[in-house]
Amino acid sequence: MTMAVVLIIIVDLSVLFHIFSPWRATPLASNWQQMDSTLTITFIITGFVFVVLNLFLVYMLLRFGHRKGHRAVYHPENKKLEWWLTGVTTVGIIALLAPGLVVYANFVDVPKNALKVEVLGQQWQWRFRFPGASGRLGRSSVSLVSPTNPFGIDPGDRAGQDNILINSNELHLPVNAPVQMMLRSQDVLHDFYVPPFRARMNMVPGMVTSFWFTPNKVGRYEVLCAQLCGVGHANMRGLVVVEDAASFQKWLATQPTFATSLLPPKISAGGANAGASGLVAQGKSLATSKACLSCHTVDGGALVGPTWKGLFGRTETMEDGSTAFVDEAYLRDFIRNPTAHRVKGFTPIMPRIDMTDDELSALVAYIKSIGADKKQNVATSGSPIGSNEHGVETR
């Protein structure tokens, strides 16, 4: 009797929790109402089965529970009951699978007029590529991937020269226009997911996966990685900005093309000060595009990595008790080999990030510019007395 009462309470509380739960799906911002409808069908079917099975258990407990003087009767089989159970189960499974198969078929059936966007996932950042005036994405190959060509675009393919590259976590899209997302991973399994769009797809290394959607509400929406991709997985976030067509085209026109990325950097006019400020500006841009600011702050706040506010010229304590003076040599070595030293109080989750020497110099210049402690500053070409070549004290 006690178990029967417990089961009834569980059923009642489960149904009431579902009806009055404060946890609801985010408001829909795309054409995929079918996704929500499929989830509703699944909830109804599985909820009905849950209630029926538990009430059946209650009936069995009350009807056939142990009573003194009664013995269970053994029936080896009941073919009629087996056929009924097989038939009902088959109908239930079809009712669960059929809507999902129909929706998935539509999900990967891309309209011919869809805007193509390539998404490149890498621990723990997003990059995006648009076709240029030619309307085509250029050929790409894993063998061509490098710090200066993360997409692996073939320089010999003319169709790729005008491809527009977004080396940051922020993607802009036009409202009420179908978009095809072509997904690639540069390292491990990722998943591009924007909850309000109800759109997501695994990103498998060595493959190009694809889906489409039409954003139908102007706004800013968070991008999540929905596959555990390493210790920094929770910080692999981005932003989709849905805006009117004119604003989208204006934003797109300001983005660099693959052809311009192949040009040597311009030397700033105006002397050393102008060159230094240009290097800092480049480093600030790199900090965004390389997703450095997902783990480090520039205002002294705490994230999963040390803040860059006042970092340069400071003495850091390592996990093993040693100390290190933060100069250029330290920063360069730490960025190149992030797991070589472990700063006390921080988990070593920083991945090895491909970077050219010029990019590294720019990023170091930016870090130096953020509240450097002038009292502890040292010459950029050397390390403090008593330190090894990495700036780690040996005392």
Protein backbone atom coordinates (compact mmCIF):
# COMPACT_ATOMS: atom_id res chain seq x y z
CA MET A 1 0.00 0.00 0.00
CA THR A 2 2.85 2.37 0.85
CA MET A 3 4.51 1.89 -2.55
CA ALA A 4 1.21 2.51 -4.32
CA VAL A 5 0.78 5.83 -2.50
CA VAL A 6 4.39 6.83 -3.28
CA LEU A 7 3.91 6.12 -7.01
CA ILE A 8 0.69 8.16 -7.12
CA ILE A 9 2.47 11.09 -5.44
CA ILE A 10 5.38 10.84 -7.92
CA VAL A 11 2.98 10.88 -10.89
CA ASP A 12 1.04 13.86 -9.50
CA LEU A 13 4.16 15.88 -8.71
CA SER A 14 5.73 15.13 -12.12
CA VAL A 15 2.64 16.29 -14.01
CA LEU A 16 2.25 19.41 -11.86
CA PHE A 17 5.95 20.26 -12.21
CA HIS A 18 5.71 20.07 -15.99
CA ILE A 19 2.61 22.29 -16.04
CA PHE A 20 3.90 24.95 -13.61
CA SER A 21 7.65 24.67 -14.20
CA PRO A 22 9.45 28.05 -14.54
CA TRP A 23 11.93 26.44 -16.96
CA ARG A 24 10.69 27.11 -20.47
CA ALA A 25 12.34 27.14 -23.88
CA THR A 26 13.72 30.51 -24.95
CA PRO A 27 11.40 32.51 -27.26
CA LEU A 28 11.56 31.28 -30.84
CA ALA A 29 13.47 33.58 -33.22
CA SER A 30 13.53 31.56 -36.44
CA ASN A 31 11.32 29.60 -38.81
CA TRP A 32 11.67 26.33 -36.86
CA GLN A 33 8.33 26.18 -35.07
CA GLN A 34 8.37 22.55 -36.25
CA MET A 35 11.13 21.90 -33.71
CA ASP A 36 8.94 23.04 -30.84
CA SER A 37 5.98 21.06 -32.19
CA THR A 38 8.11 17.91 -32.35
CA LEU A 39 9.22 18.41 -28.75
CA THR A 40 5.59 18.90 -27.69
CA ILE A 41 4.59 15.63 -29.39
CA THR A 42 7.46 13.84 -27.64
CA PHE A 43 6.45 15.23 -24.25
CA ILE A 44 2.82 14.20 -24.74
CA ILE A 45 3.64 10.63 -25.79
CA THR A 46 6.34 9.97 -23.20
CA GLY A 47 4.29 11.71 -20.50
CA PHE A 48 1.24 9.58 -21.30
CA VAL A 49 3.32 6.39 -21.17
CA PHE A 50 4.92 7.48 -17.88
CA VAL A 51 1.52 8.07 -16.25
CA VAL A 52 -0.04 4.87 -17.62
CA LEU A 53 2.87 2.63 -16.59
CA ASN A 54 3.00 4.00 -13.06
CA LEU A 55 -0.77 3.78 -12.59
CA PHE A 56 -0.57 0.22 -13.93
CA LEU A 57 2.04 -0.55 -11.27
CA VAL A 58 -0.29 0.92 -8.64
CA TYR A 59 -3.11 -1.33 -9.87
CA MET A 60 -0.83 -4.39 -9.80
CA LEU A 61 0.32 -3.59 -6.27
CA LEU A 62 -3.25 -3.20 -5.03
CA ARG A 63 -4.74 -6.08 -7.02
CA PHE A 64 -1.97 -8.64 -6.68
CA GLY A 65 -0.11 -7.52 -3.60
CA HIS A 66 0.89 -10.12 -1.05
CA ARG A 67 -2.00 -11.34 1.04
CA LYS A 68 -1.94 -14.15 3.52
CA GLY A 69 -3.32 -17.37 2.07
CA HIS A 70 -2.94 -16.29 -1.60
CA ARG A 71 -0.36 -17.68 -4.02
CA ALA A 72 0.72 -16.30 -7.41
CA VAL A 73 -0.45 -18.18 -10.51
CA TYR A 74 2.20 -18.89 -13.11
CA HIS A 75 1.33 -18.34 -16.83
CA PRO A 76 4.17 -19.32 -19.19
CA GLU A 77 2.97 -16.99 -21.99
CA ASN A 78 0.05 -15.01 -23.32
CA LYS A 79 0.32 -14.60 -27.08
CA LYS A 80 -2.68 -12.29 -27.34
CA LEU A 81 -1.19 -9.92 -24.75
CA GLU A 82 2.23 -10.09 -26.44
CA TRP A 83 0.72 -9.09 -29.81
CA TRP A 84 -1.11 -6.19 -28.21
CA LEU A 85 2.02 -4.96 -26.44
CA THR A 86 4.11 -5.28 -29.63
CA GLY A 87 1.51 -3.39 -31.66
CA VAL A 88 1.04 -0.56 -29.16
CA THR A 89 4.81 -0.18 -28.69
CA THR A 90 5.36 -0.07 -32.46
CA VAL A 91 2.74 2.64 -32.91
CA GLY A 92 4.27 4.65 -30.06
CA ILE A 93 7.79 4.45 -31.50
CA ILE A 94 6.56 5.48 -34.95
CA ALA A 95 4.69 8.41 -33.42
CA LEU A 96 7.92 9.49 -31.71
CA LEU A 97 10.26 9.05 -34.69
CA ALA A 98 8.16 10.10 -37.68
CA PRO A 99 7.80 13.84 -36.81
CA GLY A 100 11.53 14.08 -36.06
CA LEU A 101 12.48 12.45 -39.36
CA VAL A 102 10.21 14.84 -41.28
CA VAL A 103 11.65 17.89 -39.50
CA TYR A 104 15.25 16.69 -39.96
CA ALA A 105 14.65 16.17 -43.69
CA ASN A 106 13.54 19.80 -43.91
CA PHE A 107 16.39 20.91 -41.65
CA VAL A 108 19.06 19.76 -44.11
CA ASP A 109 17.09 20.58 -47.30
CA VAL A 110 18.65 23.99 -47.92
CA PRO A 111 16.76 26.55 -50.07
CA LYS A 112 18.59 27.55 -53.24
CA ASN A 113 18.59 31.25 -52.29
CA ALA A 114 20.13 30.70 -48.86
CA LEU A 115 23.12 32.82 -47.83
CA LYS A 116 26.11 30.53 -47.26
CA VAL A 117 28.10 30.99 -44.06
CA GLU A 118 31.01 28.77 -43.10
CA VAL A 119 31.53 28.27 -39.37
CA LEU A 120 34.95 27.17 -38.12
CA GLY A 121 35.14 25.86 -34.56
CA GLN A 122 38.38 25.61 -32.62
CA GLN A 123 39.16 25.31 -28.91
CA TRP A 124 37.65 27.66 -27.77
CA GLN A 125 36.63 30.17 -30.39
CA TRP A 126 34.46 30.67 -33.48
CA ARG A 127 35.36 32.02 -36.89
CA PHE A 128 33.09 32.68 -39.89
CA ARG A 129 33.49 33.01 -43.66
CA PHE A 130 31.14 34.58 -46.23
CA PRO A 131 31.32 34.36 -50.02
CA GLY A 132 32.33 37.62 -51.68
CA ALA A 133 31.16 39.22 -54.91
CA SER A 134 31.66 35.93 -56.77
CA GLY A 135 28.98 34.33 -54.60
CA ARG A 136 31.12 31.23 -53.96
CA LEU A 137 33.26 30.00 -51.12
CA GLY A 138 36.78 29.21 -52.28
CA ARG A 139 38.37 25.78 -52.03
CA SER A 140 39.90 24.90 -48.69
CA SER A 141 42.13 22.12 -47.41
CA VAL A 142 43.36 21.00 -44.02
CA SER A 143 46.90 20.92 -45.42
CA LEU A 144 46.72 24.69 -46.02
CA VAL A 145 45.69 25.62 -42.48
CA SER A 146 48.21 27.96 -40.81
CA PRO A 147 48.22 30.83 -38.29
CA THR A 148 47.71 33.28 -41.16
CA ASN A 149 45.19 31.05 -42.98
CA PRO A 150 43.03 29.35 -40.31
CA PHE A 151 40.36 28.42 -42.88
CA GLY A 152 42.90 26.66 -45.10
CA ILE A 153 41.72 28.58 -48.19
CA ASP A 154 43.55 27.74 -51.41
CA PRO A 155 45.38 30.93 -52.53
CA GLY A 156 45.31 29.63 -56.12
CA ASP A 157 41.51 29.52 -56.24
CA ARG A 158 40.23 32.85 -57.58
CA ALA A 159 36.80 32.22 -56.06
CA GLY A 160 38.34 32.40 -52.59
CA GLN A 161 40.16 35.71 -53.00
CA ASP A 162 37.08 37.81 -52.23
CA ASN A 163 35.80 35.56 -49.44
CA ILE A 164 35.00 37.65 -46.37
CA LEU A 165 36.67 36.45 -43.16
CA ILE A 166 35.28 37.10 -39.68
CA ASN A 167 38.08 36.34 -37.22
CA SER A 168 35.98 36.98 -34.13
CA ASN A 169 33.14 35.38 -32.18
CA GLU A 170 30.54 37.85 -33.45
CA LEU A 171 28.45 36.94 -36.51
CA HIS A 172 25.96 39.28 -38.19
CA LEU A 173 23.02 37.95 -40.24
CA PRO A 174 20.18 39.65 -42.17
CA VAL A 175 16.67 39.22 -40.80
CA ASN A 176 14.06 37.21 -42.75
CA ALA A 177 16.66 35.71 -45.11
CA PRO A 178 17.46 31.95 -45.22
CA VAL A 179 21.00 31.11 -44.10
CA GLN A 180 22.93 27.90 -44.69
CA MET A 181 25.46 27.14 -41.96
CA MET A 182 28.36 25.00 -43.19
CA LEU A 183 30.20 23.67 -40.15
CA ARG A 184 33.84 22.59 -39.79
CA SER A 185 36.03 21.78 -36.80
CA GLN A 186 39.76 22.38 -36.68
CA ASP A 187 40.52 20.12 -33.74
CA VAL A 188 37.86 18.19 -31.77
CA LEU A 189 34.11 17.62 -31.82
CA HIS A 190 32.11 20.85 -31.38
CA ASP A 191 28.44 21.78 -31.81
CA PHE A 192 27.14 25.13 -33.08
CA TYR A 193 23.96 25.95 -31.15
CA VAL A 194 21.81 29.08 -30.92
CA PRO A 195 18.89 28.20 -28.59
CA PRO A 196 16.38 30.84 -29.85
CA PHE A 197 16.90 29.54 -33.41
CA ARG A 198 16.28 25.90 -32.34
CA ALA A 199 19.18 25.18 -34.69
CA ARG A 200 22.24 23.10 -33.89
CA MET A 201 24.53 20.59 -35.53
CA ASN A 202 27.65 18.63 -34.58
CA MET A 203 30.94 19.81 -36.06
CA VAL A 204 33.05 16.75 -36.83
CA PRO A 205 36.78 17.07 -37.68
CA GLY A 206 37.37 16.13 -41.32
CA MET A 207 33.73 16.65 -42.32
CA VAL A 208 31.47 19.52 -43.39
CA THR A 209 28.03 19.33 -41.79
CA SER A 210 25.20 21.65 -42.75
CA PHE A 211 21.76 22.96 -41.78
CA TRP A 212 19.70 26.05 -42.47
CA PHE A 213 17.34 28.46 -40.76
CA THR A 214 15.73 31.85 -41.28
CA PRO A 215 16.21 34.33 -38.40
CA ASN A 216 12.96 36.27 -38.14
CA LYS A 217 13.52 38.58 -35.17
CA VAL A 218 16.07 41.40 -34.91
CA GLY A 219 18.24 40.98 -31.83
CA ARG A 220 21.42 39.64 -30.30
CA TYR A 221 21.59 35.90 -29.58
CA GLU A 222 24.22 33.86 -27.78
CA VAL A 223 26.08 31.05 -29.54
CA LEU A 224 26.94 28.01 -27.45
CA CYS A 225 29.08 24.95 -28.07
CA ALA A 226 26.79 22.03 -27.22
CA GLN A 227 29.46 19.30 -27.22
CA LEU A 228 32.00 18.89 -24.44
CA CYS A 229 35.20 19.94 -26.22
CA GLY A 230 37.69 20.30 -23.38
CA VAL A 231 38.20 22.07 -20.08
CA GLY A 232 37.44 25.46 -21.65
CA HIS A 233 34.17 24.25 -23.19
CA ALA A 234 31.97 26.55 -21.08
CA ASN A 235 33.81 29.60 -22.43
CA MET A 236 33.29 28.73 -26.10
CA ARG A 237 30.62 31.32 -26.65
CA GLY A 238 29.80 33.74 -29.40
CA LEU A 239 27.16 36.19 -30.56
CA VAL A 240 24.77 36.30 -33.52
CA VAL A 241 23.48 39.78 -34.35
CA VAL A 242 20.32 39.70 -36.49
CA GLU A 243 19.69 43.03 -38.20
CA ASP A 244 18.03 44.58 -41.23
CA ALA A 245 19.55 43.96 -44.67
CA ALA A 246 21.06 47.45 -44.99
CA SER A 247 22.84 47.25 -41.62
CA PHE A 248 24.08 43.76 -42.45
CA GLN A 249 25.55 44.87 -45.78
CA LYS A 250 27.18 47.87 -44.11
CA TRP A 251 28.81 45.60 -41.51
CA LEU A 252 29.88 43.08 -44.15
CA ALA A 253 31.57 45.80 -46.20
CA THR A 254 33.88 46.64 -43.29
CA GLN A 255 35.20 43.07 -42.92
CA PRO A 256 38.50 41.93 -44.47
CA THR A 257 38.73 39.57 -47.42
CA PHE A 258 41.08 36.64 -47.87
CA ALA A 259 43.04 38.63 -50.48
CA THR A 260 43.71 41.48 -48.04
CA SER A 261 44.80 39.00 -45.36
CA LEU A 262 47.59 37.87 -47.69
CA LEU A 263 49.02 41.39 -48.01
CA PRO A 264 52.01 42.34 -45.81
CA PRO A 265 51.07 44.62 -42.90
CA LYS A 266 51.32 48.34 -43.59
CA ILE A 267 53.91 50.36 -41.71
CA SER A 268 52.21 53.17 -39.79
CA ALA A 269 53.25 56.72 -40.60
CA GLY A 270 54.06 59.23 -37.87
CA GLY A 271 57.06 57.70 -36.16
CA ALA A 272 57.57 55.22 -33.38
CA ASN A 273 54.60 56.36 -31.30
CA ALA A 274 52.20 55.82 -34.21
CA GLY A 275 53.73 52.42 -34.86
CA ALA A 276 53.42 51.43 -31.21
CA SER A 277 49.78 52.50 -31.03
CA GLY A 278 49.08 50.57 -34.22
CA LEU A 279 50.68 47.48 -32.71
CA VAL A 280 48.53 47.80 -29.58
CA ALA A 281 45.40 48.20 -31.71
CA GLN A 282 46.34 45.09 -33.67
CA GLY A 283 46.91 43.20 -30.42
CA LYS A 284 43.51 44.29 -29.11
CA SER A 285 41.88 42.99 -32.28
CA LEU A 286 43.79 39.71 -31.95
CA ALA A 287 42.67 39.31 -28.33
CA THR A 288 39.10 39.31 -29.60
CA SER A 289 39.61 37.18 -32.69
CA LYS A 290 41.68 34.57 -30.83
CA ALA A 291 39.06 34.41 -28.05
CA CYS A 292 41.63 35.45 -25.42
CA LEU A 293 39.03 37.64 -23.72
CA SER A 294 36.85 34.61 -23.09
CA CYS A 295 39.27 33.62 -20.33
CA HIS A 296 41.11 36.86 -19.42
CA THR A 297 39.68 40.23 -18.43
CA VAL A 298 41.21 43.67 -18.96
CA ASP A 299 39.49 45.35 -16.01
CA GLY A 300 40.82 43.30 -13.10
CA GLY A 301 37.82 40.97 -12.96
CA ALA A 302 38.22 37.25 -12.39
CA LEU A 303 37.65 34.64 -15.08
CA VAL A 304 39.28 31.25 -15.65
CA GLY A 305 42.62 32.91 -16.49
CA PRO A 306 44.67 35.70 -14.83
CA THR A 307 43.45 39.21 -15.57
CA TRP A 308 45.61 41.26 -17.93
CA LYS A 309 45.04 44.38 -15.83
CA GLY A 310 48.48 45.18 -14.41
CA LEU A 311 49.83 41.78 -15.45
CA PHE A 312 52.96 43.10 -17.17
CA GLY A 313 55.63 43.90 -14.59
CA ARG A 314 54.01 41.80 -11.89
CA THR A 315 55.52 38.79 -10.12
CA GLU A 316 53.38 35.66 -10.47
CA THR A 317 53.46 32.70 -8.10
CA MET A 318 53.47 29.26 -9.71
CA GLU A 319 51.73 26.13 -8.46
CA ASP A 320 55.06 24.60 -7.42
CA GLY A 321 55.90 27.61 -5.23
CA SER A 322 58.36 29.28 -7.62
CA THR A 323 57.83 32.84 -8.80
CA ALA A 324 58.09 34.45 -12.22
CA PHE A 325 58.50 38.07 -13.26
CA VAL A 326 56.07 38.96 -16.05
CA ASP A 327 58.13 40.56 -18.81
CA GLU A 328 58.05 40.12 -22.57
CA ALA A 329 60.02 36.89 -22.43
CA TYR A 330 57.55 35.44 -19.92
CA LEU A 331 54.50 36.46 -21.98
CA ARG A 332 55.94 35.13 -25.23
CA ASP A 333 56.89 31.80 -23.69
CA PHE A 334 53.57 31.44 -21.87
CA ILE A 335 51.53 32.14 -25.01
CA ARG A 336 53.64 29.76 -27.08
CA ASN A 337 53.70 27.04 -24.40
CA PRO A 338 50.67 27.62 -22.16
CA THR A 339 51.06 24.36 -20.23
CA ALA A 340 54.78 24.78 -19.51
CA HIS A 341 54.04 26.67 -16.27
CA ARG A 342 50.99 26.64 -14.04
CA VAL A 343 50.00 29.87 -12.28
CA LYS A 344 48.81 29.24 -8.74
CA GLY A 345 45.04 29.32 -8.42
CA PHE A 346 44.31 28.75 -12.13
CA THR A 347 43.59 25.52 -13.99
CA PRO A 348 45.88 25.10 -17.05
CA ILE A 349 43.13 25.05 -19.66
CA MET A 350 44.68 27.40 -22.22
CA PRO A 351 45.12 25.66 -25.59
CA ARG A 352 48.14 26.12 -27.82
CA ILE A 353 47.14 28.95 -30.18
CA ASP A 354 48.81 29.24 -33.58
CA MET A 355 50.24 32.72 -33.96
CA THR A 356 52.81 34.36 -36.19
CA ASP A 357 55.74 36.26 -34.68
CA ASP A 358 54.15 39.57 -35.72
CA GLU A 359 50.83 38.60 -34.12
CA LEU A 360 52.62 37.55 -30.93
CA SER A 361 54.44 40.89 -30.77
CA ALA A 362 51.14 42.74 -31.21
CA LEU A 363 49.38 40.72 -28.49
CA VAL A 364 52.27 41.24 -26.05
CA ALA A 365 52.20 44.99 -26.81
CA TYR A 366 48.48 45.06 -26.00
CA ILE A 367 48.95 43.19 -22.71
CA LYS A 368 51.78 45.59 -21.78
CA SER A 369 49.48 48.54 -22.44
CA ILE A 370 46.85 47.40 -19.93
CA GLY A 371 47.87 48.95 -16.67
CA ALA A 372 51.53 47.96 -16.63
CA ASP A 373 53.25 48.50 -13.31
CA LYS A 374 55.99 51.01 -14.18
CA LYS A 375 57.77 50.52 -10.85
CA GLN A 376 58.47 46.88 -11.66
CA ASN A 377 58.97 47.30 -15.39
CA VAL A 378 62.20 45.92 -16.80
CA ALA A 379 63.95 46.01 -20.15
CA THR A 380 62.00 44.02 -22.70
CA SER A 381 65.09 42.20 -23.87
CA GLY A 382 66.06 40.68 -20.55
CA SER A 383 64.87 38.99 -17.37
CA PRO A 384 65.40 39.82 -13.68
CA ILE A 385 68.53 38.60 -11.92
CA GLY A 386 68.06 35.10 -10.58
CA SER A 387 65.62 34.01 -13.28
CA ASN A 388 66.03 31.47 -16.05
CA GLU A 389 65.34 32.09 -19.73
CA HIS A 390 61.59 31.89 -19.14
CA GLY A 391 61.58 34.50 -16.39
CA VAL A 392 60.95 31.84 -13.70
CA GLU A 393 63.03 32.45 -10.58
CA THR A 394 65.22 29.55 -9.53
CA ARG A 395 65.75 30.52 -5.95
